[in-house]
Amino acid sequence: MSAFASDPGLNEVQDAAGHGTEVDVAVHLHDGTVRLSILWTQEILLNADDADQVAQALQRVAGQARRITAARRSDRPTEA
């Protein structure tokens, strides 16, 4: 089981050139890092609507990452 949770809003986003390339935006549930993956190649060509969906997914995942890292900071013992 992966520690990354992918943003479900990108299920329909694919390469505008028709190569079957996909993009994935995910957050690591333990340390709050954000992963942006371009699957099957090194680049992806997006139409404007799909590019907007990717940008929105990155913003959603960044918010999740901030909450995860804030929770981790609050779980640490404070120094006296």
PDB file of N, CA and C in Angstrom:
ATOM      1  N   MET A   1       0.843  -1.186   0.000  1.00  0.00           N
ATOM      2  CA  MET A   1       0.000   0.000   0.000  1.00  0.00           C
ATOM      3  C   MET A   1       0.879   1.237   0.000  1.00  0.00           C
ATOM      4  N   SER A   2       0.575   2.163  -0.866  1.00  0.00           N
ATOM      5  CA  SER A   2       1.354   3.381  -0.991  1.00  0.00           C
ATOM      6  C   SER A   2       0.991   4.366   0.114  1.00  0.00           C
ATOM      7  N   ALA A   3       1.982   5.123   0.532  1.00  0.00           N
ATOM      8  CA  ALA A   3       1.734   6.174   1.508  1.00  0.00           C
ATOM      9  C   ALA A   3       1.251   7.445   0.824  1.00  0.00           C
ATOM     10  N   PHE A   4       1.210   7.444  -0.511  1.00  0.00           N
ATOM     11  CA  PHE A   4       0.739   8.598  -1.267  1.00  0.00           C
ATOM     12  C   PHE A   4      -0.742   8.458  -1.579  1.00  0.00           C
ATOM     13  N   ALA A   5      -1.463   9.579  -1.473  1.00  0.00           N
ATOM     14  CA  ALA A   5      -2.878   9.627  -1.838  1.00  0.00           C
ATOM     15  C   ALA A   5      -3.019  10.548  -3.043  1.00  0.00           C
ATOM     16  N   SER A   6      -3.435   9.986  -4.160  1.00  0.00           N
ATOM     17  CA  SER A   6      -3.589  10.761  -5.387  1.00  0.00           C
ATOM     18  C   SER A   6      -4.848  11.595  -5.357  1.00  0.00           C
ATOM     19  N   ASP A   7      -4.784  12.747  -6.005  1.00  0.00           N
ATOM     20  CA  ASP A   7      -5.956  13.604  -6.134  1.00  0.00           C
ATOM     21  C   ASP A   7      -6.902  12.970  -7.156  1.00  0.00           C
ATOM     22  N   PRO A   8      -8.144  12.680  -6.763  1.00  0.00           N
ATOM     23  CA  PRO A   8      -9.071  12.008  -7.676  1.00  0.00           C
ATOM     24  C   PRO A   8      -9.592  12.905  -8.796  1.00  0.00           C
ATOM     25  N   GLY A   9      -9.354  14.207  -8.716  1.00  0.00           N
ATOM     26  CA  GLY A   9      -9.873  15.129  -9.716  1.00  0.00           C
ATOM     27  C   GLY A   9      -9.153  15.087 -11.048  1.00  0.00           C
ATOM     28  N   LEU A  10      -8.108  14.260 -11.149  1.00  0.00           N
ATOM     29  CA  LEU A  10      -7.331  14.221 -12.387  1.00  0.00           C
ATOM     30  C   LEU A  10      -7.540  12.944 -13.186  1.00  0.00           C
ATOM     31  N   ASN A  11      -8.547  12.186 -12.868  1.00  0.00           N
ATOM     32  CA  ASN A  11      -8.764  10.901 -13.539  1.00  0.00           C
ATOM     33  C   ASN A  11      -8.945  11.020 -15.041  1.00  0.00           C
ATOM     34  N   GLU A  12      -9.460  12.122 -15.529  1.00  0.00           N
ATOM     35  CA  GLU A  12      -9.749  12.274 -16.952  1.00  0.00           C
ATOM     36  C   GLU A  12      -8.685  13.082 -17.696  1.00  0.00           C
ATOM     37  N   VAL A  13      -7.667  13.578 -17.003  1.00  0.00           N
ATOM     38  CA  VAL A  13      -6.644  14.412 -17.643  1.00  0.00           C
ATOM     39  C   VAL A  13      -5.643  13.532 -18.372  1.00  0.00           C
ATOM     40  N   GLN A  14      -5.521  13.765 -19.684  1.00  0.00           N
ATOM     41  CA  GLN A  14      -4.555  13.032 -20.502  1.00  0.00           C
ATOM     42  C   GLN A  14      -3.922  13.971 -21.506  1.00  0.00           C
ATOM     43  N   ASP A  15      -2.851  13.508 -22.090  1.00  0.00           N
ATOM     44  CA  ASP A  15      -2.076  14.251 -23.068  1.00  0.00           C
ATOM     45  C   ASP A  15      -2.945  14.738 -24.223  1.00  0.00           C
ATOM     46  N   ALA A  16      -2.871  16.035 -24.529  1.00  0.00           N
ATOM     47  CA  ALA A  16      -3.662  16.612 -25.616  1.00  0.00           C
ATOM     48  C   ALA A  16      -3.212  16.108 -26.987  1.00  0.00           C
ATOM     49  N   ALA A  17      -1.998  15.575 -27.060  1.00  0.00           N
ATOM     50  CA  ALA A  17      -1.488  15.045 -28.329  1.00  0.00           C
ATOM     51  C   ALA A  17      -1.960  13.617 -28.591  1.00  0.00           C
ATOM     52  N   GLY A  18      -2.664  13.027 -27.628  1.00  0.00           N
ATOM     53  CA  GLY A  18      -3.215  11.693 -27.810  1.00  0.00           C
ATOM     54  C   GLY A  18      -2.244  10.553 -27.605  1.00  0.00           C
ATOM     55  N   HIS A  19      -1.170  10.784 -26.838  1.00  0.00           N
ATOM     56  CA  HIS A  19      -0.174   9.742 -26.598  1.00  0.00           C
ATOM     57  C   HIS A  19      -0.503   8.860 -25.389  1.00  0.00           C
ATOM     58  N   GLY A  20      -1.582   9.154 -24.688  1.00  0.00           N
ATOM     59  CA  GLY A  20      -1.956   8.348 -23.529  1.00  0.00           C
ATOM     60  C   GLY A  20      -1.197   8.717 -22.263  1.00  0.00           C
ATOM     61  N   THR A  21      -0.438   9.791 -22.298  1.00  0.00           N
ATOM     62  CA  THR A  21       0.301  10.244 -21.118  1.00  0.00           C
ATOM     63  C   THR A  21      -0.672  10.748 -20.067  1.00  0.00           C
ATOM     64  N   GLU A  22      -0.391  10.468 -18.822  1.00  0.00           N
ATOM     65  CA  GLU A  22      -1.252  10.890 -17.725  1.00  0.00           C
ATOM     66  C   GLU A  22      -0.444  11.682 -16.707  1.00  0.00           C
ATOM     67  N   VAL A  23      -1.145  12.452 -15.902  1.00  0.00           N
ATOM     68  CA  VAL A  23      -0.510  13.222 -14.835  1.00  0.00           C
ATOM     69  C   VAL A  23      -1.135  12.802 -13.512  1.00  0.00           C
ATOM     70  N   ASP A  24      -0.327  12.808 -12.464  1.00  0.00           N
ATOM     71  CA  ASP A  24      -0.796  12.435 -11.130  1.00  0.00           C
ATOM     72  C   ASP A  24      -0.252  13.435 -10.124  1.00  0.00           C
ATOM     73  N   VAL A  25      -1.110  13.904  -9.245  1.00  0.00           N
ATOM     74  CA  VAL A  25      -0.726  14.775  -8.142  1.00  0.00           C
ATOM     75  C   VAL A  25      -1.141  14.054  -6.868  1.00  0.00           C
ATOM     76  N   ALA A  26      -0.198  13.904  -5.937  1.00  0.00           N
ATOM     77  CA  ALA A  26      -0.478  13.147  -4.719  1.00  0.00           C
ATOM     78  C   ALA A  26       0.230  13.763  -3.522  1.00  0.00           C
ATOM     79  N   VAL A  27      -0.284  13.464  -2.339  1.00  0.00           N
ATOM     80  CA  VAL A  27       0.350  13.897  -1.093  1.00  0.00           C
ATOM     81  C   VAL A  27       0.789  12.657  -0.319  1.00  0.00           C
ATOM     82  N   HIS A  28       1.967  12.728   0.286  1.00  0.00           N
ATOM     83  CA  HIS A  28       2.458  11.649   1.144  1.00  0.00           C
ATOM     84  C   HIS A  28       1.768  11.806   2.494  1.00  0.00           C
ATOM     85  N   LEU A  29       1.033  10.799   2.906  1.00  0.00           N
ATOM     86  CA  LEU A  29       0.191  10.903   4.097  1.00  0.00           C
ATOM     87  C   LEU A  29       0.968  10.944   5.409  1.00  0.00           C
ATOM     88  N   HIS A  30       2.255  10.616   5.383  1.00  0.00           N
ATOM     89  CA  HIS A  30       3.037  10.607   6.617  1.00  0.00           C
ATOM     90  C   HIS A  30       3.883  11.860   6.790  1.00  0.00           C
ATOM     91  N   ASP A  31       4.476  12.354   5.684  1.00  0.00           N
ATOM     92  CA  ASP A  31       5.362  13.511   5.851  1.00  0.00           C
ATOM     93  C   ASP A  31       4.894  14.762   5.117  1.00  0.00           C
ATOM     94  N   GLY A  32       3.794  14.682   4.373  1.00  0.00           N
ATOM     95  CA  GLY A  32       3.213  15.859   3.746  1.00  0.00           C
ATOM     96  C   GLY A  32       3.904  16.331   2.481  1.00  0.00           C
ATOM     97  N   THR A  33       4.823  15.553   1.929  1.00  0.00           N
ATOM     98  CA  THR A  33       5.433  15.972   0.672  1.00  0.00           C
ATOM     99  C   THR A  33       4.444  15.791  -0.475  1.00  0.00           C
ATOM    100  N   VAL A  34       4.602  16.607  -1.501  1.00  0.00           N
ATOM    101  CA  VAL A  34       3.719  16.583  -2.667  1.00  0.00           C
ATOM    102  C   VAL A  34       4.465  15.950  -3.831  1.00  0.00           C
ATOM    103  N   ARG A  35       3.799  15.029  -4.518  1.00  0.00           N
ATOM    104  CA  ARG A  35       4.391  14.371  -5.677  1.00  0.00           C
ATOM    105  C   ARG A  35       3.599  14.759  -6.926  1.00  0.00           C
ATOM    106  N   LEU A  36       4.316  15.242  -7.936  1.00  0.00           N
ATOM    107  CA  LEU A  36       3.740  15.505  -9.245  1.00  0.00           C
ATOM    108  C   LEU A  36       4.394  14.529 -10.205  1.00  0.00           C
ATOM    109  N   SER A  37       3.610  13.623 -10.773  1.00  0.00           N
ATOM    110  CA  SER A  37       4.135  12.599 -11.677  1.00  0.00           C
ATOM    111  C   SER A  37       3.545  12.764 -13.061  1.00  0.00           C
ATOM    112  N   ILE A  38       4.407  12.625 -14.060  1.00  0.00           N
ATOM    113  CA  ILE A  38       3.968  12.552 -15.445  1.00  0.00           C
ATOM    114  C   ILE A  38       4.250  11.119 -15.871  1.00  0.00           C
ATOM    115  N   LEU A  39       3.186  10.367 -16.107  1.00  0.00           N
ATOM    116  CA  LEU A  39       3.303   8.943 -16.332  1.00  0.00           C
ATOM    117  C   LEU A  39       3.488   8.616 -17.805  1.00  0.00           C
ATOM    118  N   TRP A  40       4.408   7.725 -18.082  1.00  0.00           N
ATOM    119  CA  TRP A  40       4.679   7.134 -19.388  1.00  0.00           C
ATOM    120  C   TRP A  40       5.597   7.969 -20.274  1.00  0.00           C
ATOM    121  N   THR A  41       6.046   9.142 -19.828  1.00  0.00           N
ATOM    122  CA  THR A  41       6.951   9.972 -20.629  1.00  0.00           C
ATOM    123  C   THR A  41       7.572  11.042 -19.742  1.00  0.00           C
ATOM    124  N   GLN A  42       8.350  11.924 -20.333  1.00  0.00           N
ATOM    125  CA  GLN A  42       8.984  12.997 -19.578  1.00  0.00           C
ATOM    126  C   GLN A  42       8.197  14.296 -19.627  1.00  0.00           C
ATOM    127  N   GLU A  43       7.238  14.384 -20.505  1.00  0.00           N
ATOM    128  CA  GLU A  43       6.447  15.611 -20.606  1.00  0.00           C
ATOM    129  C   GLU A  43       5.018  15.274 -20.973  1.00  0.00           C
ATOM    130  N   ILE A  44       4.144  16.263 -20.757  1.00  0.00           N
ATOM    131  CA  ILE A  44       2.742  16.101 -21.125  1.00  0.00           C
ATOM    132  C   ILE A  44       2.259  17.414 -21.713  1.00  0.00           C
ATOM    133  N   LEU A  45       1.504  17.324 -22.786  1.00  0.00           N
ATOM    134  CA  LEU A  45       0.892  18.492 -23.403  1.00  0.00           C
ATOM    135  C   LEU A  45      -0.554  18.537 -22.947  1.00  0.00           C
ATOM    136  N   LEU A  46      -0.960  19.648 -22.344  1.00  0.00           N
ATOM    137  CA  LEU A  46      -2.308  19.775 -21.795  1.00  0.00           C
ATOM    138  C   LEU A  46      -3.062  20.884 -22.504  1.00  0.00           C
ATOM    139  N   ASN A  47      -4.369  20.668 -22.689  1.00  0.00           N
ATOM    140  CA  ASN A  47      -5.185  21.782 -23.153  1.00  0.00           C
ATOM    141  C   ASN A  47      -5.432  22.696 -21.946  1.00  0.00           C
ATOM    142  N   ALA A  48      -5.979  23.862 -22.178  1.00  0.00           N
ATOM    143  CA  ALA A  48      -6.130  24.859 -21.115  1.00  0.00           C
ATOM    144  C   ALA A  48      -6.973  24.345 -19.944  1.00  0.00           C
ATOM    145  N   ASP A  49      -8.057  23.646 -20.233  1.00  0.00           N
ATOM    146  CA  ASP A  49      -8.923  23.144 -19.165  1.00  0.00           C
ATOM    147  C   ASP A  49      -8.208  22.101 -18.306  1.00  0.00           C
ATOM    148  N   ASP A  50      -7.468  21.203 -18.944  1.00  0.00           N
ATOM    149  CA  ASP A  50      -6.735  20.189 -18.188  1.00  0.00           C
ATOM    150  C   ASP A  50      -5.606  20.816 -17.372  1.00  0.00           C
ATOM    151  N   ALA A  51      -4.933  21.820 -17.928  1.00  0.00           N
ATOM    152  CA  ALA A  51      -3.881  22.514 -17.192  1.00  0.00           C
ATOM    153  C   ALA A  51      -4.464  23.172 -15.940  1.00  0.00           C
ATOM    154  N   ASP A  52      -5.659  23.733 -16.073  1.00  0.00           N
ATOM    155  CA  ASP A  52      -6.337  24.336 -14.925  1.00  0.00           C
ATOM    156  C   ASP A  52      -6.669  23.281 -13.881  1.00  0.00           C
ATOM    157  N   GLN A  53      -7.095  22.097 -14.316  1.00  0.00           N
ATOM    158  CA  GLN A  53      -7.395  21.010 -13.370  1.00  0.00           C
ATOM    159  C   GLN A  53      -6.132  20.584 -12.613  1.00  0.00           C
ATOM    160  N   VAL A  54      -5.006  20.519 -13.299  1.00  0.00           N
ATOM    161  CA  VAL A  54      -3.744  20.145 -12.651  1.00  0.00           C
ATOM    162  C   VAL A  54      -3.361  21.211 -11.620  1.00  0.00           C
ATOM    163  N   ALA A  55      -3.507  22.483 -11.992  1.00  0.00           N
ATOM    164  CA  ALA A  55      -3.185  23.568 -11.060  1.00  0.00           C
ATOM    165  C   ALA A  55      -4.071  23.502  -9.816  1.00  0.00           C
ATOM    166  N   GLN A  56      -5.352  23.242 -10.008  1.00  0.00           N
ATOM    167  CA  GLN A  56      -6.268  23.127  -8.865  1.00  0.00           C
ATOM    168  C   GLN A  56      -5.918  21.922  -7.996  1.00  0.00           C
ATOM    169  N   ALA A  57      -5.544  20.818  -8.620  1.00  0.00           N
ATOM    170  CA  ALA A  57      -5.150  19.628  -7.848  1.00  0.00           C
ATOM    171  C   ALA A  57      -3.905  19.916  -7.021  1.00  0.00           C
ATOM    172  N   LEU A  58      -2.945  20.619  -7.603  1.00  0.00           N
ATOM    173  CA  LEU A  58      -1.739  20.975  -6.843  1.00  0.00           C
ATOM    174  C   LEU A  58      -2.095  21.853  -5.646  1.00  0.00           C
ATOM    175  N   GLN A  59      -3.023  22.769  -5.817  1.00  0.00           N
ATOM    176  CA  GLN A  59      -3.445  23.612  -4.695  1.00  0.00           C
ATOM    177  C   GLN A  59      -4.146  22.796  -3.618  1.00  0.00           C
ATOM    178  N   ARG A  60      -5.008  21.867  -4.021  1.00  0.00           N
ATOM    179  CA  ARG A  60      -5.697  21.024  -3.028  1.00  0.00           C
ATOM    180  C   ARG A  60      -4.690  20.190  -2.245  1.00  0.00           C
ATOM    181  N   VAL A  61      -3.749  19.575  -2.962  1.00  0.00           N
ATOM    182  CA  VAL A  61      -2.765  18.706  -2.323  1.00  0.00           C
ATOM    183  C   VAL A  61      -1.821  19.526  -1.441  1.00  0.00           C
ATOM    184  N   ALA A  62      -1.484  20.736  -1.870  1.00  0.00           N
ATOM    185  CA  ALA A  62      -0.641  21.596  -1.040  1.00  0.00           C
ATOM    186  C   ALA A  62      -1.334  21.912   0.285  1.00  0.00           C
ATOM    187  N   GLY A  63      -2.636  22.119   0.235  1.00  0.00           N
ATOM    188  CA  GLY A  63      -3.393  22.343   1.474  1.00  0.00           C
ATOM    189  C   GLY A  63      -3.357  21.131   2.386  1.00  0.00           C
ATOM    190  N   GLN A  64      -3.508  19.943   1.794  1.00  0.00           N
ATOM    191  CA  GLN A  64      -3.422  18.714   2.587  1.00  0.00           C
ATOM    192  C   GLN A  64      -2.026  18.579   3.200  1.00  0.00           C
ATOM    193  N   ALA A  65      -1.013  18.877   2.412  1.00  0.00           N
ATOM    194  CA  ALA A  65       0.366  18.761   2.891  1.00  0.00           C
ATOM    195  C   ALA A  65       0.610  19.700   4.072  1.00  0.00           C
ATOM    196  N   ARG A  66       0.083  20.917   3.986  1.00  0.00           N
ATOM    197  CA  ARG A  66       0.233  21.865   5.102  1.00  0.00           C
ATOM    198  C   ARG A  66      -0.441  21.335   6.367  1.00  0.00           C
ATOM    199  N   ARG A  67      -1.627  20.744   6.214  1.00  0.00           N
ATOM    200  CA  ARG A  67      -2.323  20.199   7.391  1.00  0.00           C
ATOM    201  C   ARG A  67      -1.543  19.036   7.997  1.00  0.00           C
ATOM    202  N   ILE A  68      -0.974  18.174   7.147  1.00  0.00           N
ATOM    203  CA  ILE A  68      -0.201  17.029   7.644  1.00  0.00           C
ATOM    204  C   ILE A  68       1.039  17.504   8.394  1.00  0.00           C
ATOM    205  N   THR A  69       1.768  18.454   7.797  1.00  0.00           N
ATOM    206  CA  THR A  69       2.995  18.917   8.462  1.00  0.00           C
ATOM    207  C   THR A  69       2.675  19.703   9.730  1.00  0.00           C
ATOM    208  N   ALA A  70       1.567  20.435   9.742  1.00  0.00           N
ATOM    209  CA  ALA A  70       1.169  21.147  10.959  1.00  0.00           C
ATOM    210  C   ALA A  70       0.817  20.160  12.067  1.00  0.00           C
ATOM    211  N   ALA A  71       0.124  19.091  11.709  1.00  0.00           N
ATOM    212  CA  ALA A  71      -0.231  18.068  12.703  1.00  0.00           C
ATOM    213  C   ALA A  71       1.025  17.391  13.236  1.00  0.00           C
ATOM    214  N   ARG A  72       1.995  17.143  12.371  1.00  0.00           N
ATOM    215  CA  ARG A  72       3.247  16.515  12.823  1.00  0.00           C
ATOM    216  C   ARG A  72       3.984  17.438  13.774  1.00  0.00           C
ATOM    217  N   ARG A  73       3.992  18.743  13.485  1.00  0.00           N
ATOM    218  CA  ARG A  73       4.671  19.700  14.372  1.00  0.00           C
ATOM    219  C   ARG A  73       3.987  19.759  15.734  1.00  0.00           C
ATOM    220  N   SER A  74       2.655  19.698  15.744  1.00  0.00           N
ATOM    221  CA  SER A  74       1.936  19.785  17.013  1.00  0.00           C
ATOM    222  C   SER A  74       2.065  18.505  17.841  1.00  0.00           C
ATOM    223  N   ASP A  75       2.413  17.387  17.179  1.00  0.00           N
ATOM    224  CA  ASP A  75       2.616  16.130  17.907  1.00  0.00           C
ATOM    225  C   ASP A  75       3.980  16.037  18.572  1.00  0.00           C
ATOM    226  N   ARG A  76       4.917  16.889  18.166  1.00  0.00           N
ATOM    227  CA  ARG A  76       6.262  16.847  18.744  1.00  0.00           C
ATOM    228  C   ARG A  76       6.234  17.434  20.158  1.00  0.00           C
ATOM    229  N   PRO A  77       7.018  16.838  21.045  1.00  0.00           N
ATOM    230  CA  PRO A  77       7.096  17.387  22.405  1.00  0.00           C
ATOM    231  C   PRO A  77       7.791  18.754  22.369  1.00  0.00           C
ATOM    232  N   THR A  78       7.320  19.662  23.181  1.00  0.00           N
ATOM    233  CA  THR A  78       7.936  20.985  23.238  1.00  0.00           C
ATOM    234  C   THR A  78       9.155  20.929  24.145  1.00  0.00           C
ATOM    235  N   GLU A  79      10.157  21.732  23.802  1.00  0.00           N
ATOM    236  CA  GLU A  79      11.379  21.767  24.599  1.00  0.00           C
ATOM    237  C   GLU A  79      11.191  22.720  25.763  1.00  0.00           C
ATOM    238  N   ALA A  80      11.668  22.332  26.913  1.00  0.00           N
ATOM    239  CA  ALA A  80      11.533  23.180  28.103  1.00  0.00           C
ATOM    240  C   ALA A  80      12.759  24.004  28.321  1.00  0.00           C
TER     241      ALA A  80
END
